């Protein structure tokens, strides 16, 4: 009993410890623009990336930049990344809407998966389009969106990121989700000429790749 009382006294004397901080690379928050910001919201270096989920150059940038941009700069807390989706086609709209519906908790994961598995799901989308023909005629927008997501394998990617089937269904059933995705995309019309395009601490940077952007980030203070 004396030993138990001593342990209890020790426990009561110990200070409360803060909850473990999620890694910055897995942390996202909603920005005023309606897009998600991955990383430390108070980071000195603020990078905005204008992307399209069906853009091969965006996938190449994601692959090439991952070890340093996500693995070091964002992970260190020195850099944040805001992702703004540019909509190029209907599968882009489906993918971007799913990413938005994933919410801040799952956004970093689904964003990465959409690019790492891009070649796979774009091929599946092309095959689905060829096989389905006019199968979507007469369907509602939510039904068409879900059919495209299923047909391209985007539903599977969303589930791999942690979304449930009911969350995916609810995402497409609420037309406000699609409208918000389009609203964010329309806000950048006339500002960019292609994807990926970047803003580094407010300065627009076009026509560059990771090799060109990395030294600019380092000069701005990314670590």
Protein backbone atom coordinates (compact mmCIF):
# COMPACT_ATOMS: atom_id res chain seq x y z
CA UNK A 1 0.00 0.00 0.00
CA UNK A 2 2.86 2.34 0.90
CA UNK A 3 4.42 1.72 -2.54
CA UNK A 4 1.10 2.48 -4.29
CA UNK A 5 0.70 5.70 -2.31
CA UNK A 6 4.21 6.75 -3.30
CA UNK A 7 3.47 6.12 -6.99
CA UNK A 8 0.23 8.10 -6.70
CA UNK A 9 2.06 11.01 -5.11
CA UNK A 10 4.67 10.93 -7.88
CA UNK A 11 1.96 10.94 -10.56
CA UNK A 12 0.13 13.85 -8.92
CA UNK A 13 3.34 15.84 -8.71
CA UNK A 14 4.18 15.37 -12.40
CA UNK A 15 3.18 18.31 -14.62
CA UNK A 16 0.76 17.88 -17.49
CA UNK A 17 2.46 17.38 -20.84
CA UNK A 18 1.14 18.86 -24.07
CA UNK A 19 -0.38 16.58 -26.65
CA UNK A 20 2.11 15.36 -29.20
CA UNK A 21 2.31 17.78 -32.14
CA UNK A 22 1.47 16.21 -35.47
CA UNK A 23 4.32 16.44 -37.98
CA UNK A 24 4.05 19.64 -40.00
CA UNK A 25 3.89 17.57 -43.20
CA UNK A 26 0.64 16.00 -41.94
CA UNK A 27 -0.85 19.27 -40.69
CA UNK A 28 -3.23 21.34 -42.82
CA UNK A 29 -5.52 24.28 -42.23
CA UNK A 30 -8.07 26.14 -44.32
CA UNK A 31 -6.73 29.41 -45.78
CA UNK A 32 -8.82 32.55 -46.40
CA UNK A 33 -8.66 31.71 -50.12
CA UNK A 34 -10.59 28.48 -49.46
CA UNK A 35 -7.54 26.32 -50.17
CA UNK A 36 -5.58 24.18 -47.73
CA UNK A 37 -2.21 25.15 -46.27
CA UNK A 38 0.12 22.29 -45.37
CA UNK A 39 2.68 22.90 -42.63
CA UNK A 40 3.36 25.54 -40.01
CA UNK A 41 0.85 28.40 -40.47
CA UNK A 42 3.43 30.76 -38.94
CA UNK A 43 6.23 29.68 -41.27
CA UNK A 44 8.58 32.41 -42.49
CA UNK A 45 8.53 31.04 -46.03
CA UNK A 46 5.06 30.87 -47.55
CA UNK A 47 4.80 28.98 -50.83
CA UNK A 48 1.59 28.83 -52.87
CA UNK A 49 1.36 26.19 -55.60
CA UNK A 50 -1.27 26.39 -58.33
CA UNK A 51 -1.86 22.80 -59.40
CA UNK A 52 -4.01 20.58 -61.55
CA UNK A 53 -4.40 16.96 -60.50
CA UNK A 54 -4.45 15.88 -64.16
CA UNK A 55 -1.28 17.88 -64.99
CA UNK A 56 1.78 15.62 -65.56
CA UNK A 57 4.18 18.52 -64.87
CA UNK A 58 2.53 18.98 -61.45
CA UNK A 59 3.06 15.28 -60.70
CA UNK A 60 6.71 15.59 -61.75
CA UNK A 61 7.15 18.58 -59.46
CA UNK A 62 5.50 16.74 -56.58
CA UNK A 63 7.82 13.75 -57.08
CA UNK A 64 11.02 15.78 -57.55
CA UNK A 65 10.38 18.18 -54.68
CA UNK A 66 9.11 15.69 -52.08
CA UNK A 67 12.39 14.71 -50.37
CA UNK A 68 13.41 18.33 -49.71
CA UNK A 69 10.24 20.44 -49.81
CA UNK A 70 8.09 18.10 -47.73
CA UNK A 71 10.80 16.00 -46.10
CA UNK A 72 12.87 18.94 -44.84
CA UNK A 73 11.51 22.43 -45.48
CA UNK A 74 7.88 21.83 -44.47
CA UNK A 75 8.87 19.25 -41.84
CA UNK A 76 11.19 21.78 -40.17
CA UNK A 77 8.37 24.30 -39.77
CA UNK A 78 10.26 26.91 -41.80
CA UNK A 79 8.00 26.60 -44.85
CA UNK A 80 4.29 26.23 -45.53
CA UNK A 81 2.63 25.14 -48.76
CA UNK A 82 -0.79 26.38 -49.84
CA UNK A 83 -2.36 24.25 -52.59
CA UNK A 84 -4.73 26.02 -54.98
CA UNK A 85 -6.46 23.78 -57.52
CA UNK A 86 -6.83 24.83 -61.15
CA UNK A 87 -9.56 22.82 -62.88
CA UNK A 88 -8.65 21.58 -66.38
CA UNK A 89 -11.28 18.89 -66.99
CA UNK A 90 -14.03 16.87 -65.34
CA UNK A 91 -11.67 14.39 -63.67
CA UNK A 92 -9.69 17.31 -62.30
CA UNK A 93 -12.94 18.62 -60.79
CA UNK A 94 -13.73 15.24 -59.24
CA UNK A 95 -10.23 14.83 -57.80
CA UNK A 96 -10.05 18.39 -56.43
CA UNK A 97 -13.51 18.10 -54.89
CA UNK A 98 -12.57 14.85 -53.16
CA UNK A 99 -9.38 16.46 -51.83
CA UNK A 100 -11.43 19.38 -50.49
CA UNK A 101 -13.95 17.06 -48.86
CA UNK A 102 -11.17 15.09 -47.19
CA UNK A 103 -10.75 18.06 -44.86
CA UNK A 104 -7.57 19.34 -43.21
CA UNK A 105 -6.92 16.07 -41.39
CA UNK A 106 -6.63 13.98 -44.55
CA UNK A 107 -5.77 16.59 -47.18
CA UNK A 108 -1.96 16.17 -47.11
CA UNK A 109 -2.29 12.42 -47.68
CA UNK A 110 -4.89 12.49 -50.46
CA UNK A 111 -3.01 15.35 -52.18
CA UNK A 112 0.16 13.24 -52.29
CA UNK A 113 -1.68 10.10 -53.41
CA UNK A 114 -3.40 11.86 -56.29
CA UNK A 115 0.02 12.70 -57.71
CA UNK A 116 1.98 9.56 -56.84
CA UNK A 117 -0.76 7.44 -58.45
CA UNK A 118 -1.64 9.93 -61.21
CA UNK A 119 -0.46 7.83 -64.16
CA UNK A 120 -2.46 4.85 -62.88
CA UNK A 121 -5.76 6.65 -62.36
CA UNK A 122 -5.54 8.72 -65.56
CA UNK A 123 -5.17 5.50 -67.58
CA UNK A 124 -8.14 4.04 -65.72
CA UNK A 125 -10.15 7.20 -66.43
CA UNK A 126 -9.39 6.98 -70.15
CA UNK A 127 -10.43 3.34 -70.24
CA UNK A 128 -13.61 4.14 -68.33
CA UNK A 129 -14.52 6.93 -70.75
CA UNK A 130 -14.04 4.62 -73.71
CA UNK A 131 -16.15 1.86 -72.18
CA UNK A 132 -18.93 3.96 -70.63
CA UNK A 133 -19.86 6.03 -73.69
CA UNK A 134 -23.05 7.97 -72.92
CA UNK A 135 -23.82 5.99 -69.76
CA UNK A 136 -24.08 9.21 -67.74
CA UNK A 137 -26.95 10.60 -69.81
CA UNK A 138 -29.91 11.47 -67.60
CA UNK A 139 -27.99 11.22 -64.34
CA UNK A 140 -27.77 13.98 -61.74
CA UNK A 141 -24.53 15.83 -61.07
CA UNK A 142 -23.82 13.88 -57.83
CA UNK A 143 -24.43 10.59 -59.66
CA UNK A 144 -22.11 11.58 -62.51
CA UNK A 145 -19.38 12.75 -60.11
CA UNK A 146 -19.54 9.48 -58.17
CA UNK A 147 -19.53 7.41 -61.37
CA UNK A 148 -16.44 9.25 -62.62
CA UNK A 149 -14.71 8.83 -59.25
CA UNK A 150 -15.45 5.11 -59.19
CA UNK A 151 -14.56 4.62 -62.84
CA UNK A 152 -11.18 6.37 -62.58
CA UNK A 153 -10.22 4.74 -59.30
CA UNK A 154 -10.39 8.04 -57.44
CA UNK A 155 -12.76 6.53 -54.89
CA UNK A 156 -10.11 3.96 -54.05
CA UNK A 157 -7.47 6.67 -53.63
CA UNK A 158 -9.77 8.65 -51.33
CA UNK A 159 -10.36 5.54 -49.22
CA UNK A 160 -6.63 4.83 -49.11
CA UNK A 161 -6.19 8.35 -47.70
CA UNK A 162 -8.72 7.58 -44.96
CA UNK A 163 -12.08 8.76 -46.33
CA UNK A 164 -15.07 6.50 -45.71
CA UNK A 165 -17.57 5.53 -48.38
CA UNK A 166 -20.28 7.54 -46.62
CA UNK A 167 -18.00 10.62 -46.57
CA UNK A 168 -17.34 10.24 -50.30
CA UNK A 169 -21.06 9.90 -51.03
CA UNK A 170 -21.84 12.96 -48.89
CA UNK A 171 -19.10 14.92 -50.65
CA UNK A 172 -20.70 14.56 -54.06
CA UNK A 173 -24.27 14.78 -52.77
CA UNK A 174 -23.65 18.34 -51.54
CA UNK A 175 -23.38 20.55 -54.62
CA UNK A 176 -21.86 23.29 -52.45
CA UNK A 177 -18.64 21.25 -52.32
CA UNK A 178 -18.34 21.28 -56.12
CA UNK A 179 -19.28 24.97 -56.24
CA UNK A 180 -16.55 25.86 -53.72
CA UNK A 181 -13.94 23.92 -55.72
CA UNK A 182 -14.92 25.85 -58.85
CA UNK A 183 -14.99 29.15 -56.96
CA UNK A 184 -11.39 28.72 -55.79
CA UNK A 185 -10.33 27.79 -59.33
CA UNK A 186 -12.13 30.73 -60.93
CA UNK A 187 -10.42 33.17 -58.55
CA UNK A 188 -7.08 32.46 -60.22
CA UNK A 189 -8.26 32.93 -63.81
CA UNK A 190 -6.12 35.49 -65.59
CA UNK A 191 -3.46 35.26 -62.87
CA UNK A 192 -1.64 32.16 -64.10
CA UNK A 193 -0.93 30.82 -67.58
CA UNK A 194 -0.29 27.19 -66.68
CA UNK A 195 0.43 24.68 -63.94
CA UNK A 196 2.38 24.36 -61.81
CA UNK A 197 2.77 28.04 -61.00
CA UNK A 198 4.01 29.37 -57.66
CA UNK A 199 3.91 32.35 -55.35
CA UNK A 200 6.82 32.71 -52.96
CA UNK A 201 6.08 35.18 -50.15
CA UNK A 202 3.74 37.02 -52.51
CA UNK A 203 5.94 36.96 -55.63
CA UNK A 204 4.50 35.14 -58.66
CA UNK A 205 6.87 32.59 -60.23
CA UNK A 206 5.94 30.93 -63.53
CA UNK A 207 7.66 28.50 -65.89
CA UNK A 208 9.97 26.83 -63.39
CA UNK A 209 10.59 23.36 -62.00
CA UNK A 210 11.93 22.12 -58.67
CA UNK A 211 15.55 22.70 -59.72
CA UNK A 212 14.71 26.35 -60.36
CA UNK A 213 12.49 26.87 -57.32
CA UNK A 214 14.67 25.24 -54.66
CA UNK A 215 17.37 27.95 -54.59
CA UNK A 216 14.68 30.63 -54.40
CA UNK A 217 13.17 28.90 -51.37
CA UNK A 218 16.55 28.62 -49.67
CA UNK A 219 17.31 32.27 -50.35
CA UNK A 220 13.99 33.14 -48.68
CA UNK A 221 14.95 31.17 -45.56
CA UNK A 222 13.61 27.64 -46.15
CA UNK A 223 15.61 25.03 -44.21
